[in-house]
Amino acid sequence: RVLAANVNFPDALLCRGHYQVRPPLPFTP
């Protein structure tokens, strides 16, 4: 159960499709 989730810069890169890996759409960052 998620109590808190930190926001990291890689989360933005994942949204943009610019991270080293690209999860299949749709995905939860």
PDB file of all heavy atoms in Angstrom:
ATOM      1  N   ARG A   1       0.868  -1.175   0.000  1.00  0.00           N
ATOM      2  CA  ARG A   1       0.000   0.000   0.000  1.00  0.00           C
ATOM      3  C   ARG A   1       0.906   1.226   0.000  1.00  0.00           C
ATOM      4  O   ARG A   1       1.792   1.345   0.855  1.00  0.00           O
ATOM      5  CB  ARG A   1      -0.908   0.006   1.225  1.00  0.00           C
ATOM      6  CG  ARG A   1      -1.869   1.197   1.272  1.00  0.00           C
ATOM      7  CD  ARG A   1      -2.910   1.021   2.360  1.00  0.00           C
ATOM      8  NE  ARG A   1      -2.348   1.179   3.682  1.00  0.00           N
ATOM      9  CZ  ARG A   1      -2.270   2.346   4.345  1.00  0.00           C
ATOM     10  NH1 ARG A   1      -2.714   3.465   3.768  1.00  0.00           N
ATOM     11  NH2 ARG A   1      -1.757   2.388   5.550  1.00  0.00           N
ATOM     12  N   VAL A   2       0.725   2.105  -0.957  1.00  0.00           N
ATOM     13  CA  VAL A   2       1.610   3.261  -1.092  1.00  0.00           C
ATOM     14  C   VAL A   2       1.246   4.312  -0.041  1.00  0.00           C
ATOM     15  O   VAL A   2       0.128   4.830  -0.018  1.00  0.00           O
ATOM     16  CB  VAL A   2       1.510   3.868  -2.509  1.00  0.00           C
ATOM     17  CG1 VAL A   2       2.391   5.114  -2.604  1.00  0.00           C
ATOM     18  CG2 VAL A   2       1.920   2.839  -3.561  1.00  0.00           C
ATOM     19  N   LEU A   3       2.193   4.605   0.830  1.00  0.00           N
ATOM     20  CA  LEU A   3       2.018   5.639   1.847  1.00  0.00           C
ATOM     21  C   LEU A   3       2.471   7.000   1.332  1.00  0.00           C
ATOM     22  O   LEU A   3       1.895   8.026   1.697  1.00  0.00           O
ATOM     23  CB  LEU A   3       2.798   5.267   3.112  1.00  0.00           C
ATOM     24  CG  LEU A   3       2.438   3.935   3.761  1.00  0.00           C
ATOM     25  CD1 LEU A   3       3.362   3.660   4.939  1.00  0.00           C
ATOM     26  CD2 LEU A   3       0.981   3.923   4.212  1.00  0.00           C
ATOM     27  N   ALA A   4       3.498   6.997   0.506  1.00  0.00           N
ATOM     28  CA  ALA A   4       4.022   8.238  -0.082  1.00  0.00           C
ATOM     29  C   ALA A   4       4.888   7.861  -1.273  1.00  0.00           C
ATOM     30  O   ALA A   4       5.574   6.828  -1.254  1.00  0.00           O
ATOM     31  CB  ALA A   4       4.839   9.027   0.941  1.00  0.00           C
ATOM     32  N   ALA A   5       4.846   8.694  -2.316  1.00  0.00           N
ATOM     33  CA  ALA A   5       5.640   8.454  -3.526  1.00  0.00           C
ATOM     34  C   ALA A   5       6.425   9.710  -3.861  1.00  0.00           C
ATOM     35  O   ALA A   5       5.842  10.785  -4.063  1.00  0.00           O
ATOM     36  CB  ALA A   5       4.734   8.062  -4.695  1.00  0.00           C
ATOM     37  N   ASN A   6       7.735   9.583  -3.918  1.00  0.00           N
ATOM     38  CA  ASN A   6       8.588  10.723  -4.232  1.00  0.00           C
ATOM     39  C   ASN A   6       8.577  11.004  -5.738  1.00  0.00           C
ATOM     40  O   ASN A   6       8.529  10.088  -6.556  1.00  0.00           O
ATOM     41  CB  ASN A   6      10.021  10.420  -3.775  1.00  0.00           C
ATOM     42  CG  ASN A   6      10.948  11.599  -3.968  1.00  0.00           C
ATOM     43  OD1 ASN A   6      10.567  12.734  -3.757  1.00  0.00           O
ATOM     44  ND2 ASN A   6      12.174  11.327  -4.376  1.00  0.00           N
ATOM     45  N   VAL A   7       8.639  12.290  -6.087  1.00  0.00           N
ATOM     46  CA  VAL A   7       8.702  12.690  -7.497  1.00  0.00           C
ATOM     47  C   VAL A   7      10.167  12.877  -7.872  1.00  0.00           C
ATOM     48  O   VAL A   7      10.878  13.685  -7.266  1.00  0.00           O
ATOM     49  CB  VAL A   7       7.918  13.988  -7.755  1.00  0.00           C
ATOM     50  CG1 VAL A   7       8.022  14.381  -9.232  1.00  0.00           C
ATOM     51  CG2 VAL A   7       6.457  13.820  -7.353  1.00  0.00           C
ATOM     52  N   ASN A   8      10.617  12.133  -8.870  1.00  0.00           N
ATOM     53  CA  ASN A   8      11.994  12.214  -9.359  1.00  0.00           C
ATOM     54  C   ASN A   8      12.017  12.725 -10.794  1.00  0.00           C
ATOM     55  O   ASN A   8      11.052  12.540 -11.551  1.00  0.00           O
ATOM     56  CB  ASN A   8      12.647  10.829  -9.322  1.00  0.00           C
ATOM     57  CG  ASN A   8      13.012  10.392  -7.925  1.00  0.00           C
ATOM     58  OD1 ASN A   8      14.038  10.776  -7.392  1.00  0.00           O
ATOM     59  ND2 ASN A   8      12.164   9.559  -7.317  1.00  0.00           N
ATOM     60  N   PHE A   9      13.129  13.330 -11.190  1.00  0.00           N
ATOM     61  CA  PHE A   9      13.279  13.803 -12.567  1.00  0.00           C
ATOM     62  C   PHE A   9      13.100  12.676 -13.586  1.00  0.00           C
ATOM     63  O   PHE A   9      12.496  12.891 -14.645  1.00  0.00           O
ATOM     64  CB  PHE A   9      14.635  14.489 -12.739  1.00  0.00           C
ATOM     65  CG  PHE A   9      14.811  15.167 -14.070  1.00  0.00           C
ATOM     66  CD1 PHE A   9      14.095  16.312 -14.393  1.00  0.00           C
ATOM     67  CD2 PHE A   9      15.706  14.665 -15.008  1.00  0.00           C
ATOM     68  CE1 PHE A   9      14.253  16.933 -15.619  1.00  0.00           C
ATOM     69  CE2 PHE A   9      15.876  15.279 -16.232  1.00  0.00           C
ATOM     70  CZ  PHE A   9      15.144  16.424 -16.540  1.00  0.00           C
ATOM     71  N   PRO A  10      13.587  11.448 -13.312  1.00  0.00           N
ATOM     72  CA  PRO A  10      13.337  10.372 -14.264  1.00  0.00           C
ATOM     73  C   PRO A  10      11.855  10.101 -14.529  1.00  0.00           C
ATOM     74  O   PRO A  10      11.502   9.576 -15.593  1.00  0.00           O
ATOM     75  CB  PRO A  10      14.015   9.162 -13.613  1.00  0.00           C
ATOM     76  CG  PRO A  10      15.133   9.753 -12.831  1.00  0.00           C
ATOM     77  CD  PRO A  10      14.566  11.031 -12.284  1.00  0.00           C
ATOM     78  N   ASP A  11      10.973  10.442 -13.580  1.00  0.00           N
ATOM     79  CA  ASP A  11       9.544  10.275 -13.836  1.00  0.00           C
ATOM     80  C   ASP A  11       9.108  11.137 -15.021  1.00  0.00           C
ATOM     81  O   ASP A  11       8.295  10.712 -15.849  1.00  0.00           O
ATOM     82  CB  ASP A  11       8.728  10.644 -12.591  1.00  0.00           C
ATOM     83  CG  ASP A  11       8.958   9.688 -11.440  1.00  0.00           C
ATOM     84  OD1 ASP A  11       9.014   8.469 -11.688  1.00  0.00           O
ATOM     85  OD2 ASP A  11       9.090  10.158 -10.292  1.00  0.00           O
ATOM     86  N   ALA A  12       9.651  12.340 -15.100  1.00  0.00           N
ATOM     87  CA  ALA A  12       9.340  13.220 -16.232  1.00  0.00           C
ATOM     88  C   ALA A  12       9.916  12.657 -17.525  1.00  0.00           C
ATOM     89  O   ALA A  12       9.268  12.698 -18.582  1.00  0.00           O
ATOM     90  CB  ALA A  12       9.880  14.622 -15.972  1.00  0.00           C
ATOM     91  N   LEU A  13      11.141  12.127 -17.443  1.00  0.00           N
ATOM     92  CA  LEU A  13      11.752  11.538 -18.638  1.00  0.00           C
ATOM     93  C   LEU A  13      10.956  10.334 -19.132  1.00  0.00           C
ATOM     94  O   LEU A  13      10.816  10.122 -20.345  1.00  0.00           O
ATOM     95  CB  LEU A  13      13.198  11.133 -18.341  1.00  0.00           C
ATOM     96  CG  LEU A  13      14.166  12.266 -17.983  1.00  0.00           C
ATOM     97  CD1 LEU A  13      15.552  11.696 -17.694  1.00  0.00           C
ATOM     98  CD2 LEU A  13      14.240  13.305 -19.086  1.00  0.00           C
ATOM     99  N   LEU A  14      10.424   9.546 -18.206  1.00  0.00           N
ATOM    100  CA  LEU A  14       9.594   8.410 -18.591  1.00  0.00           C
ATOM    101  C   LEU A  14       8.342   8.888 -19.331  1.00  0.00           C
ATOM    102  O   LEU A  14       7.948   8.313 -20.343  1.00  0.00           O
ATOM    103  CB  LEU A  14       9.199   7.602 -17.358  1.00  0.00           C
ATOM    104  CG  LEU A  14      10.279   6.701 -16.760  1.00  0.00           C
ATOM    105  CD1 LEU A  14       9.885   6.242 -15.366  1.00  0.00           C
ATOM    106  CD2 LEU A  14      10.544   5.509 -17.660  1.00  0.00           C
ATOM    107  N   CYS A  15       7.721   9.949 -18.810  1.00  0.00           N
ATOM    108  CA  CYS A  15       6.533  10.499 -19.474  1.00  0.00           C
ATOM    109  C   CYS A  15       6.872  10.954 -20.896  1.00  0.00           C
ATOM    110  O   CYS A  15       6.093  10.739 -21.836  1.00  0.00           O
ATOM    111  CB  CYS A  15       5.969  11.668 -18.670  1.00  0.00           C
ATOM    112  SG  CYS A  15       5.214  11.217 -17.094  1.00  0.00           S
ATOM    113  N   ARG A  16       8.023  11.571 -21.050  1.00  0.00           N
ATOM    114  CA  ARG A  16       8.422  12.106 -22.353  1.00  0.00           C
ATOM    115  C   ARG A  16       8.918  11.023 -23.306  1.00  0.00           C
ATOM    116  O   ARG A  16       9.093  11.268 -24.497  1.00  0.00           O
ATOM    117  CB  ARG A  16       9.525  13.148 -22.162  1.00  0.00           C
ATOM    118  CG  ARG A  16       9.067  14.426 -21.467  1.00  0.00           C
ATOM    119  CD  ARG A  16      10.258  15.276 -21.052  1.00  0.00           C
ATOM    120  NE  ARG A  16       9.862  16.590 -20.549  1.00  0.00           N
ATOM    121  CZ  ARG A  16      10.669  17.418 -19.900  1.00  0.00           C
ATOM    122  NH1 ARG A  16      11.934  17.061 -19.676  1.00  0.00           N
ATOM    123  NH2 ARG A  16      10.226  18.595 -19.485  1.00  0.00           N
ATOM    124  N   GLY A  17       9.198   9.830 -22.773  1.00  0.00           N
ATOM    125  CA  GLY A  17       9.786   8.786 -23.595  1.00  0.00           C
ATOM    126  C   GLY A  17      11.267   8.977 -23.804  1.00  0.00           C
ATOM    127  O   GLY A  17      11.843   8.433 -24.752  1.00  0.00           O
ATOM    128  N   HIS A  18      11.926   9.717 -22.892  1.00  0.00           N
ATOM    129  CA  HIS A  18      13.344  10.042 -23.037  1.00  0.00           C
ATOM    130  C   HIS A  18      14.232   9.276 -22.060  1.00  0.00           C
ATOM    131  O   HIS A  18      15.431   9.539 -21.987  1.00  0.00           O
ATOM    132  CB  HIS A  18      13.562  11.545 -22.841  1.00  0.00           C
ATOM    133  CG  HIS A  18      12.947  12.391 -23.913  1.00  0.00           C
ATOM    134  ND1 HIS A  18      12.810  13.769 -23.800  1.00  0.00           N
ATOM    135  CD2 HIS A  18      12.427  12.058 -25.124  1.00  0.00           C
ATOM    136  CE1 HIS A  18      12.227  14.230 -24.891  1.00  0.00           C
ATOM    137  NE2 HIS A  18      11.985  13.217 -25.706  1.00  0.00           N
ATOM    138  N   TYR A  19      13.656   8.385 -21.270  1.00  0.00           N
ATOM    139  CA  TYR A  19      14.465   7.646 -20.306  1.00  0.00           C
ATOM    140  C   TYR A  19      15.188   6.504 -21.023  1.00  0.00           C
ATOM    141  O   TYR A  19      14.886   6.172 -22.174  1.00  0.00           O
ATOM    142  CB  TYR A  19      13.577   7.108 -19.176  1.00  0.00           C
ATOM    143  CG  TYR A  19      14.341   6.716 -17.934  1.00  0.00           C
ATOM    144  CD1 TYR A  19      15.103   7.638 -17.223  1.00  0.00           C
ATOM    145  CD2 TYR A  19      14.313   5.404 -17.475  1.00  0.00           C
ATOM    146  CE1 TYR A  19      15.813   7.270 -16.093  1.00  0.00           C
ATOM    147  CE2 TYR A  19      15.020   5.024 -16.338  1.00  0.00           C
ATOM    148  CZ  TYR A  19      15.766   5.964 -15.663  1.00  0.00           C
ATOM    149  OH  TYR A  19      16.479   5.586 -14.541  1.00  0.00           O
ATOM    150  N   GLN A  20      16.163   5.885 -20.305  1.00  0.00           N
ATOM    151  CA  GLN A  20      16.948   4.811 -20.918  1.00  0.00           C
ATOM    152  C   GLN A  20      16.080   3.636 -21.334  1.00  0.00           C
ATOM    153  O   GLN A  20      16.396   2.913 -22.288  1.00  0.00           O
ATOM    154  CB  GLN A  20      18.033   4.319 -19.931  1.00  0.00           C
ATOM    155  CG  GLN A  20      19.099   5.364 -19.616  1.00  0.00           C
ATOM    156  CD  GLN A  20      18.834   6.071 -18.308  1.00  0.00           C
ATOM    157  OE1 GLN A  20      17.712   6.508 -18.069  1.00  0.00           O
ATOM    158  NE2 GLN A  20      19.841   6.197 -17.460  1.00  0.00           N
ATOM    159  N   VAL A  21      15.000   3.421 -20.592  1.00  0.00           N
ATOM    160  CA  VAL A  21      14.043   2.369 -20.951  1.00  0.00           C
ATOM    161  C   VAL A  21      12.691   3.025 -21.200  1.00  0.00           C
ATOM    162  O   VAL A  21      12.391   4.088 -20.651  1.00  0.00           O
ATOM    163  CB  VAL A  21      13.924   1.305 -19.840  1.00  0.00           C
ATOM    164  CG1 VAL A  21      15.227   0.562 -19.672  1.00  0.00           C
ATOM    165  CG2 VAL A  21      13.488   1.931 -18.526  1.00  0.00           C
ATOM    166  N   ARG A  22      11.883   2.382 -22.037  1.00  0.00           N
ATOM    167  CA  ARG A  22      10.555   2.907 -22.358  1.00  0.00           C
ATOM    168  C   ARG A  22       9.523   1.832 -22.048  1.00  0.00           C
ATOM    169  O   ARG A  22       9.370   0.875 -22.809  1.00  0.00           O
ATOM    170  CB  ARG A  22      10.480   3.338 -23.821  1.00  0.00           C
ATOM    171  CG  ARG A  22      11.454   4.447 -24.178  1.00  0.00           C
ATOM    172  CD  ARG A  22      11.287   4.924 -25.612  1.00  0.00           C
ATOM    173  NE  ARG A  22      10.007   5.584 -25.816  1.00  0.00           N
ATOM    174  CZ  ARG A  22       9.681   6.221 -26.943  1.00  0.00           C
ATOM    175  NH1 ARG A  22      10.537   6.267 -27.951  1.00  0.00           N
ATOM    176  NH2 ARG A  22       8.503   6.795 -27.052  1.00  0.00           N
ATOM    177  N   PRO A  23       8.826   1.978 -20.925  1.00  0.00           N
ATOM    178  CA  PRO A  23       7.822   0.974 -20.583  1.00  0.00           C
ATOM    179  C   PRO A  23       6.680   0.980 -21.589  1.00  0.00           C
ATOM    180  O   PRO A  23       6.393   2.011 -22.208  1.00  0.00           O
ATOM    181  CB  PRO A  23       7.338   1.422 -19.198  1.00  0.00           C
ATOM    182  CG  PRO A  23       7.668   2.867 -19.123  1.00  0.00           C
ATOM    183  CD  PRO A  23       8.912   3.057 -19.934  1.00  0.00           C
ATOM    184  N   PRO A  24       6.023  -0.149 -21.768  1.00  0.00           N
ATOM    185  CA  PRO A  24       4.895  -0.193 -22.708  1.00  0.00           C
ATOM    186  C   PRO A  24       3.737   0.681 -22.221  1.00  0.00           C
ATOM    187  O   PRO A  24       3.455   0.746 -21.022  1.00  0.00           O
ATOM    188  CB  PRO A  24       4.509  -1.686 -22.726  1.00  0.00           C
ATOM    189  CG  PRO A  24       5.029  -2.230 -21.424  1.00  0.00           C
ATOM    190  CD  PRO A  24       6.269  -1.456 -21.124  1.00  0.00           C
ATOM    191  N   LEU A  25       3.082   1.349 -23.153  1.00  0.00           N
ATOM    192  CA  LEU A  25       1.932   2.188 -22.825  1.00  0.00           C
ATOM    193  C   LEU A  25       0.689   1.310 -22.671  1.00  0.00           C
ATOM    194  O   LEU A  25       0.531   0.316 -23.379  1.00  0.00           O
ATOM    195  CB  LEU A  25       1.712   3.208 -23.948  1.00  0.00           C
ATOM    196  CG  LEU A  25       2.853   4.206 -24.182  1.00  0.00           C
ATOM    197  CD1 LEU A  25       2.614   4.989 -25.472  1.00  0.00           C
ATOM    198  CD2 LEU A  25       2.985   5.175 -23.014  1.00  0.00           C
ATOM    199  N   PRO A  26      -0.221   1.680 -21.742  1.00  0.00           N
ATOM    200  CA  PRO A  26      -0.079   2.729 -20.739  1.00  0.00           C
ATOM    201  C   PRO A  26       0.729   2.220 -19.542  1.00  0.00           C
ATOM    202  O   PRO A  26       0.758   1.024 -19.275  1.00  0.00           O
ATOM    203  CB  PRO A  26      -1.522   3.019 -20.340  1.00  0.00           C
ATOM    204  CG  PRO A  26      -2.218   1.705 -20.512  1.00  0.00           C
ATOM    205  CD  PRO A  26      -1.560   1.040 -21.691  1.00  0.00           C
ATOM    206  N   PHE A  27       1.379   3.123 -18.832  1.00  0.00           N
ATOM    207  CA  PHE A  27       2.143   2.736 -17.653  1.00  0.00           C
ATOM    208  C   PHE A  27       1.945   3.778 -16.553  1.00  0.00           C
ATOM    209  O   PHE A  27       1.521   4.908 -16.812  1.00  0.00           O
ATOM    210  CB  PHE A  27       3.634   2.598 -17.987  1.00  0.00           C
ATOM    211  CG  PHE A  27       4.314   3.898 -18.320  1.00  0.00           C
ATOM    212  CD1 PHE A  27       4.894   4.690 -17.334  1.00  0.00           C
ATOM    213  CD2 PHE A  27       4.382   4.343 -19.640  1.00  0.00           C
ATOM    214  CE1 PHE A  27       5.515   5.885 -17.653  1.00  0.00           C
ATOM    215  CE2 PHE A  27       5.008   5.535 -19.968  1.00  0.00           C
ATOM    216  CZ  PHE A  27       5.573   6.320 -18.963  1.00  0.00           C
ATOM    217  N   THR A  28       2.257   3.375 -15.347  1.00  0.00           N
ATOM    218  CA  THR A  28       2.183   4.260 -14.185  1.00  0.00           C
ATOM    219  C   THR A  28       3.589   4.667 -13.778  1.00  0.00           C
ATOM    220  O   THR A  28       4.401   3.798 -13.430  1.00  0.00           O
ATOM    221  CB  THR A  28       1.492   3.558 -13.000  1.00  0.00           C
ATOM    222  OG1 THR A  28       0.150   3.241 -13.354  1.00  0.00           O
ATOM    223  CG2 THR A  28       1.482   4.449 -11.767  1.00  0.00           C
ATOM    224  N   PRO A  29       3.933   5.965 -13.831  1.00  0.00           N
ATOM    225  CA  PRO A  29       5.256   6.390 -13.367  1.00  0.00           C
ATOM    226  C   PRO A  29       5.324   6.380 -11.840  1.00  0.00           C
ATOM    227  O   PRO A  29       4.350   6.065 -11.165  1.00  0.00           O
ATOM    228  CB  PRO A  29       5.382   7.807 -13.938  1.00  0.00           C
ATOM    229  CG  PRO A  29       3.976   8.279 -14.103  1.00  0.00           C
ATOM    230  CD  PRO A  29       3.127   7.070 -14.356  1.00  0.00           C
TER     231      PRO A  29
END
